[in-house]
Structures are given as C-alpha cells and as structure tokens.
C-alpha cells in the first residue's frame, strides 16, 4: 500500500474504483456501522473489494476501512454497497441511543446526591 495522501489521489482512479458512481443512498450506512465479511474473496474481484473482505473478517467500522484503504469515506461506502448488494458483507448498524429511557429518574439522583453529602 502506498503512502500517498488522499488529497493527492488521482480523481480518475477514484472514478474507476467506483465505476463512475459518486453517491450512495444517504441512509445506506453510518460511518460507525460495523461491516462483517460473509465470504472469502474470489478470483477476478476488484482489488479494493478483496481488501475489504479480508479486513472485515472481524467487525470493522466503515471509517476504519476508509482509513486502512486510504480512500474517502464516500468511495468506501460505494464499494461497501456493492458488497452488501451481493451479500458478501453485512452491516451492523449501531442501535439508536434512547437516552431518555436509559437515564435514571432525576429525583432519585437528587436523593442519592443528598445521601452522599450526608455521609
């Protein structure tokens, strides 16, 4: 893997890597979604797809894949959508935080604070 910066990446190469596509469904996956390989690479696959499948044998976040491949997140999302569509990977989306339901009652917290101050 080369050490060149993404900022210096050849736009033609990125165009080729994505097959000319520049966007994915905005809600397709979050940057922190965990990607898991469901199969091994096969001969003839695009080299970036092969790298992703090998990297994601254990759950790996989209942003980590982007960093490892030294490609923009938008490009990685396009590649991942290809793999998702063919069933080669699965995405485990983070569950939405239900902050209100998981926090204790403020009145109980006040009572605990008073109890601690009285110690």
N, C-alpha and C. Protein backbone atom coordinates (compact mmCIF):
# COMPACT_ATOMS: atom_id res chain seq x y z
N UNK A 1 0.85 -1.17 0.00
CA UNK A 1 0.00 0.00 0.00
C UNK A 1 0.89 1.23 0.00
N UNK A 2 0.55 2.18 -0.86
CA UNK A 2 1.37 3.38 -0.97
C UNK A 2 1.08 4.34 0.17
N UNK A 3 1.99 5.28 0.37
CA UNK A 3 1.83 6.22 1.46
C UNK A 3 1.32 7.57 0.98
N UNK A 4 0.79 7.63 -0.25
CA UNK A 4 0.31 8.92 -0.76
C UNK A 4 -0.97 9.35 -0.05
N UNK A 5 -1.16 10.64 0.02
CA UNK A 5 -2.30 11.21 0.72
C UNK A 5 -3.56 11.14 -0.13
N UNK A 6 -4.70 11.05 0.53
CA UNK A 6 -5.98 11.06 -0.17
C UNK A 6 -6.14 12.37 -0.92
N UNK A 7 -5.63 13.45 -0.36
CA UNK A 7 -5.74 14.76 -1.01
C UNK A 7 -5.05 14.77 -2.37
N UNK A 8 -4.03 13.95 -2.52
CA UNK A 8 -3.30 13.88 -3.77
C UNK A 8 -3.78 12.74 -4.66
N UNK A 9 -4.87 12.08 -4.26
CA UNK A 9 -5.39 10.93 -5.00
C UNK A 9 -5.85 11.38 -6.39
N UNK A 10 -5.56 10.60 -7.38
CA UNK A 10 -5.95 10.87 -8.75
C UNK A 10 -7.46 10.71 -8.89
N UNK A 11 -8.19 11.77 -9.27
CA UNK A 11 -9.65 11.66 -9.39
C UNK A 11 -10.07 10.59 -10.40
N UNK A 12 -9.25 10.39 -11.43
CA UNK A 12 -9.58 9.35 -12.42
C UNK A 12 -9.56 7.97 -11.78
N UNK A 13 -8.63 7.74 -10.85
CA UNK A 13 -8.56 6.45 -10.17
C UNK A 13 -9.81 6.24 -9.32
N UNK A 14 -10.22 7.27 -8.58
CA UNK A 14 -11.42 7.16 -7.75
C UNK A 14 -12.65 6.90 -8.62
N UNK A 15 -12.70 7.54 -9.77
CA UNK A 15 -13.80 7.33 -10.71
C UNK A 15 -13.82 5.88 -11.17
N UNK A 16 -12.66 5.34 -11.44
CA UNK A 16 -12.55 3.95 -11.89
C UNK A 16 -12.91 2.98 -10.77
N UNK A 17 -12.43 3.24 -9.57
CA UNK A 17 -12.69 2.37 -8.43
C UNK A 17 -14.19 2.24 -8.17
N UNK A 18 -14.92 3.33 -8.33
CA UNK A 18 -16.36 3.32 -8.04
C UNK A 18 -17.22 3.04 -9.27
N UNK A 19 -16.59 2.81 -10.40
CA UNK A 19 -17.36 2.56 -11.62
C UNK A 19 -18.11 3.80 -12.07
N UNK A 20 -17.60 4.96 -11.74
CA UNK A 20 -18.22 6.21 -12.15
C UNK A 20 -19.30 6.72 -11.22
N UNK A 21 -19.64 5.96 -10.21
CA UNK A 21 -20.68 6.40 -9.27
C UNK A 21 -20.08 7.35 -8.26
N UNK A 22 -20.89 8.33 -7.86
CA UNK A 22 -20.37 9.30 -6.90
C UNK A 22 -21.21 9.37 -5.63
N UNK A 23 -22.34 8.68 -5.60
CA UNK A 23 -23.20 8.75 -4.42
C UNK A 23 -23.83 7.40 -4.12
N UNK A 24 -24.17 7.25 -2.84
CA UNK A 24 -24.94 6.10 -2.40
C UNK A 24 -26.18 6.62 -1.70
N UNK A 25 -27.06 5.73 -1.36
CA UNK A 25 -28.23 6.12 -0.57
C UNK A 25 -27.73 6.70 0.74
N UNK A 26 -28.15 7.91 1.06
CA UNK A 26 -27.65 8.60 2.26
C UNK A 26 -27.84 7.77 3.53
N UNK A 27 -28.92 7.01 3.60
CA UNK A 27 -29.19 6.23 4.80
C UNK A 27 -28.67 4.81 4.72
N UNK A 28 -27.89 4.51 3.68
CA UNK A 28 -27.43 3.13 3.47
C UNK A 28 -26.61 2.61 4.65
N UNK A 29 -25.71 3.43 5.15
CA UNK A 29 -24.92 3.00 6.30
C UNK A 29 -24.25 4.19 6.96
N UNK A 30 -24.09 4.06 8.24
CA UNK A 30 -23.48 5.08 9.07
C UNK A 30 -21.97 4.88 9.03
N UNK A 31 -21.21 5.93 9.32
CA UNK A 31 -19.75 5.81 9.33
C UNK A 31 -19.25 4.87 10.42
N UNK A 32 -20.06 4.66 11.46
CA UNK A 32 -19.65 3.77 12.54
C UNK A 32 -20.30 2.39 12.44
N UNK A 33 -21.02 2.15 11.34
CA UNK A 33 -21.60 0.83 11.14
C UNK A 33 -20.48 -0.20 11.07
N UNK A 34 -20.72 -1.36 11.66
CA UNK A 34 -19.72 -2.42 11.64
C UNK A 34 -19.98 -3.33 10.45
N UNK A 35 -18.94 -3.57 9.68
CA UNK A 35 -19.03 -4.39 8.48
C UNK A 35 -18.38 -5.73 8.77
N UNK A 36 -19.05 -6.82 8.35
CA UNK A 36 -18.54 -8.16 8.57
C UNK A 36 -18.58 -8.93 7.26
N UNK A 37 -17.46 -9.57 6.91
CA UNK A 37 -17.40 -10.40 5.70
C UNK A 37 -18.25 -11.64 5.88
N UNK A 38 -18.95 -12.00 4.83
CA UNK A 38 -19.77 -13.20 4.84
C UNK A 38 -19.18 -14.30 3.95
N UNK A 39 -18.08 -13.98 3.25
CA UNK A 39 -17.43 -14.97 2.38
C UNK A 39 -15.99 -14.54 2.15
N UNK A 40 -15.25 -15.42 1.52
CA UNK A 40 -13.87 -15.12 1.15
C UNK A 40 -13.85 -14.50 -0.24
N UNK A 41 -12.79 -13.74 -0.55
CA UNK A 41 -12.68 -13.19 -1.90
C UNK A 41 -12.59 -14.30 -2.94
N UNK A 42 -13.02 -13.98 -4.15
CA UNK A 42 -12.94 -14.93 -5.26
C UNK A 42 -12.07 -14.33 -6.35
N UNK A 43 -11.43 -15.16 -7.15
CA UNK A 43 -10.60 -14.64 -8.24
C UNK A 43 -11.40 -13.72 -9.16
N UNK A 44 -10.77 -12.65 -9.58
CA UNK A 44 -11.39 -11.72 -10.50
C UNK A 44 -12.10 -10.55 -9.83
N UNK A 45 -12.14 -10.55 -8.50
CA UNK A 45 -12.79 -9.45 -7.79
C UNK A 45 -11.91 -8.20 -7.85
N UNK A 46 -12.55 -7.06 -7.76
CA UNK A 46 -11.85 -5.79 -7.69
C UNK A 46 -10.95 -5.80 -6.46
N UNK A 47 -9.73 -5.29 -6.59
CA UNK A 47 -8.75 -5.38 -5.51
C UNK A 47 -9.24 -4.72 -4.21
N UNK A 48 -9.97 -3.62 -4.31
CA UNK A 48 -10.48 -2.96 -3.10
C UNK A 48 -11.51 -3.84 -2.41
N UNK A 49 -12.33 -4.54 -3.18
CA UNK A 49 -13.31 -5.46 -2.59
C UNK A 49 -12.60 -6.60 -1.86
N UNK A 50 -11.54 -7.10 -2.45
CA UNK A 50 -10.76 -8.16 -1.81
C UNK A 50 -10.19 -7.68 -0.48
N UNK A 51 -9.62 -6.48 -0.48
CA UNK A 51 -9.05 -5.92 0.75
C UNK A 51 -10.11 -5.76 1.82
N UNK A 52 -11.29 -5.29 1.42
CA UNK A 52 -12.38 -5.10 2.39
C UNK A 52 -12.81 -6.44 2.97
N UNK A 53 -12.98 -7.45 2.14
CA UNK A 53 -13.41 -8.76 2.63
C UNK A 53 -12.39 -9.35 3.60
N UNK A 54 -11.12 -9.18 3.31
CA UNK A 54 -10.09 -9.71 4.21
C UNK A 54 -10.04 -8.91 5.52
N UNK A 55 -10.20 -7.60 5.41
CA UNK A 55 -10.14 -6.74 6.59
C UNK A 55 -11.33 -6.96 7.53
N UNK A 56 -12.46 -7.32 6.96
CA UNK A 56 -13.70 -7.39 7.75
C UNK A 56 -14.04 -8.81 8.21
N UNK A 57 -13.04 -9.65 8.33
CA UNK A 57 -13.30 -10.97 8.91
C UNK A 57 -13.80 -10.82 10.34
N UNK A 58 -13.38 -9.75 10.96
CA UNK A 58 -13.90 -9.34 12.27
C UNK A 58 -14.63 -8.02 12.05
N UNK A 59 -15.64 -7.72 12.83
CA UNK A 59 -16.39 -6.47 12.62
C UNK A 59 -15.47 -5.25 12.58
N UNK A 60 -15.63 -4.45 11.52
CA UNK A 60 -14.78 -3.28 11.31
C UNK A 60 -15.67 -2.10 10.92
N UNK A 61 -15.44 -0.96 11.53
CA UNK A 61 -16.24 0.24 11.24
C UNK A 61 -15.90 0.78 9.85
N UNK A 62 -16.90 1.38 9.22
CA UNK A 62 -16.73 1.97 7.88
C UNK A 62 -15.57 2.96 7.88
N UNK A 63 -15.49 3.78 8.90
CA UNK A 63 -14.44 4.79 8.97
C UNK A 63 -13.05 4.13 9.09
N UNK A 64 -12.96 2.99 9.77
CA UNK A 64 -11.69 2.27 9.87
C UNK A 64 -11.28 1.71 8.51
N UNK A 65 -12.24 1.20 7.78
CA UNK A 65 -11.97 0.68 6.43
C UNK A 65 -11.44 1.80 5.56
N UNK A 66 -12.09 2.95 5.63
CA UNK A 66 -11.67 4.11 4.86
C UNK A 66 -10.22 4.49 5.18
N UNK A 67 -9.91 4.49 6.46
CA UNK A 67 -8.55 4.84 6.89
C UNK A 67 -7.53 3.82 6.39
N UNK A 68 -7.85 2.56 6.54
CA UNK A 68 -6.93 1.50 6.13
C UNK A 68 -6.68 1.50 4.62
N UNK A 69 -7.74 1.73 3.85
CA UNK A 69 -7.61 1.74 2.39
C UNK A 69 -7.09 3.07 1.86
N UNK A 70 -7.08 4.07 2.74
CA UNK A 70 -6.66 5.42 2.35
C UNK A 70 -7.52 5.95 1.20
N UNK A 71 -8.83 5.73 1.37
CA UNK A 71 -9.81 6.22 0.40
C UNK A 71 -10.84 7.05 1.15
N UNK A 72 -11.45 8.02 0.48
CA UNK A 72 -12.50 8.80 1.14
C UNK A 72 -13.66 7.91 1.58
N UNK A 73 -14.32 8.29 2.66
CA UNK A 73 -15.44 7.51 3.19
C UNK A 73 -16.51 7.35 2.13
N UNK A 74 -16.75 8.38 1.33
CA UNK A 74 -17.78 8.30 0.29
C UNK A 74 -17.47 7.20 -0.72
N UNK A 75 -16.22 7.04 -1.07
CA UNK A 75 -15.81 5.99 -2.00
C UNK A 75 -15.96 4.62 -1.36
N UNK A 76 -15.57 4.51 -0.10
CA UNK A 76 -15.68 3.25 0.63
C UNK A 76 -17.14 2.84 0.76
N UNK A 77 -18.03 3.79 1.00
CA UNK A 77 -19.45 3.47 1.10
C UNK A 77 -19.98 2.90 -0.20
N UNK A 78 -19.53 3.42 -1.33
CA UNK A 78 -19.95 2.90 -2.63
C UNK A 78 -19.47 1.46 -2.78
N UNK A 79 -18.21 1.20 -2.42
CA UNK A 79 -17.67 -0.15 -2.51
C UNK A 79 -18.42 -1.11 -1.59
N UNK A 80 -18.73 -0.63 -0.38
CA UNK A 80 -19.46 -1.47 0.57
C UNK A 80 -20.88 -1.76 0.09
N UNK A 81 -21.51 -0.79 -0.54
CA UNK A 81 -22.85 -1.03 -1.09
C UNK A 81 -22.81 -2.13 -2.15
N UNK A 82 -21.75 -2.15 -2.96
CA UNK A 82 -21.58 -3.23 -3.94
C UNK A 82 -21.55 -4.59 -3.23
N UNK A 83 -20.76 -4.66 -2.17
CA UNK A 83 -20.61 -5.92 -1.43
C UNK A 83 -21.89 -6.27 -0.68
N UNK A 84 -22.58 -5.28 -0.16
CA UNK A 84 -23.85 -5.53 0.53
C UNK A 84 -24.90 -6.07 -0.44
N UNK A 85 -24.96 -5.47 -1.63
CA UNK A 85 -25.95 -5.89 -2.63
C UNK A 85 -25.76 -7.34 -3.07
N UNK A 86 -24.52 -7.81 -3.03
CA UNK A 86 -24.24 -9.19 -3.45
C UNK A 86 -24.20 -10.16 -2.27
N UNK A 87 -24.43 -9.64 -1.06
CA UNK A 87 -24.45 -10.49 0.13
C UNK A 87 -23.08 -10.93 0.61
N UNK A 88 -22.04 -10.27 0.14
CA UNK A 88 -20.68 -10.64 0.55
C UNK A 88 -20.31 -10.07 1.92
N UNK A 89 -20.99 -9.01 2.33
CA UNK A 89 -20.79 -8.45 3.67
C UNK A 89 -22.15 -8.13 4.27
N UNK A 90 -22.16 -8.00 5.58
CA UNK A 90 -23.34 -7.50 6.27
C UNK A 90 -22.93 -6.28 7.08
N UNK A 91 -23.89 -5.39 7.30
CA UNK A 91 -23.63 -4.18 8.07
C UNK A 91 -24.44 -4.25 9.35
N UNK A 92 -23.76 -4.03 10.43
CA UNK A 92 -24.42 -3.99 11.75
C UNK A 92 -24.48 -2.54 12.16
N UNK A 93 -25.65 -1.96 12.05
CA UNK A 93 -25.81 -0.55 12.37
C UNK A 93 -25.89 -0.36 13.87
N UNK A 94 -25.29 0.73 14.37
CA UNK A 94 -25.39 0.99 15.81
C UNK A 94 -26.85 1.23 16.17
N UNK A 95 -27.24 0.71 17.31
CA UNK A 95 -28.63 0.92 17.74
C UNK A 95 -28.79 2.35 18.20
N UNK A 96 -29.92 2.96 17.89
CA UNK A 96 -30.12 4.36 18.29
C UNK A 96 -30.15 4.48 19.81
N UNK A 97 -29.53 5.52 20.27
CA UNK A 97 -29.48 5.74 21.72
C UNK A 97 -30.83 6.26 22.19
N UNK A 98 -31.39 5.55 23.11
CA UNK A 98 -32.65 6.01 23.70
C UNK A 98 -32.30 6.63 25.04
N UNK A 99 -31.74 7.83 24.97
CA UNK A 99 -31.19 8.49 26.14
C UNK A 99 -32.23 8.71 27.24
N UNK A 100 -33.42 9.12 26.87
CA UNK A 100 -34.44 9.40 27.88
C UNK A 100 -34.84 8.15 28.65
N UNK A 101 -34.94 7.03 27.96
CA UNK A 101 -35.38 5.80 28.64
C UNK A 101 -34.27 5.18 29.48
N UNK A 102 -33.01 5.43 29.12
CA UNK A 102 -31.93 4.76 29.84
C UNK A 102 -31.42 5.57 31.05
N UNK A 103 -31.78 6.83 31.14
CA UNK A 103 -31.32 7.64 32.26
C UNK A 103 -32.22 7.44 33.47
N UNK A 104 -31.63 7.42 34.65
CA UNK A 104 -32.45 7.27 35.86
C UNK A 104 -33.28 8.53 36.11
N UNK A 105 -34.27 8.38 36.91
CA UNK A 105 -35.15 9.48 37.29
C UNK A 105 -34.33 10.56 38.00
N UNK A 106 -34.45 11.82 37.57
CA UNK A 106 -33.68 12.91 38.22
C UNK A 106 -33.94 13.02 39.72
N UNK A 107 -35.13 12.70 40.15
CA UNK A 107 -35.45 12.78 41.58
C UNK A 107 -34.63 11.77 42.38
N UNK A 108 -34.46 10.58 41.83
CA UNK A 108 -33.64 9.56 42.50
C UNK A 108 -32.19 10.02 42.58
N UNK A 109 -31.69 10.64 41.50
CA UNK A 109 -30.31 11.15 41.50
C UNK A 109 -30.13 12.23 42.57
N UNK A 110 -31.12 13.08 42.73
CA UNK A 110 -31.05 14.11 43.77
C UNK A 110 -30.98 13.47 45.15
N UNK A 111 -31.78 12.43 45.38
CA UNK A 111 -31.78 11.75 46.67
C UNK A 111 -30.43 11.09 46.94
N UNK A 112 -29.85 10.51 45.92
CA UNK A 112 -28.52 9.89 46.07
C UNK A 112 -27.49 10.95 46.41
N UNK A 113 -27.54 12.09 45.72
CA UNK A 113 -26.60 13.17 45.99
C UNK A 113 -26.73 13.67 47.43
N UNK A 114 -27.96 13.86 47.89
CA UNK A 114 -28.19 14.29 49.28
C UNK A 114 -27.64 13.25 50.25
N UNK A 115 -27.89 11.98 49.96
CA UNK A 115 -27.39 10.91 50.81
C UNK A 115 -25.87 10.90 50.88
N UNK A 116 -25.21 11.13 49.73
CA UNK A 116 -23.75 11.16 49.70
C UNK A 116 -23.21 12.37 50.47
N UNK A 117 -23.88 13.49 50.34
CA UNK A 117 -23.45 14.71 51.07
C UNK A 117 -23.59 14.52 52.58
N UNK A 118 -24.58 13.72 53.01
CA UNK A 118 -24.80 13.48 54.44
C UNK A 118 -23.79 12.51 55.02
N UNK A 119 -23.03 11.82 54.22
CA UNK A 119 -22.05 10.87 54.76
C UNK A 119 -20.92 11.56 55.42
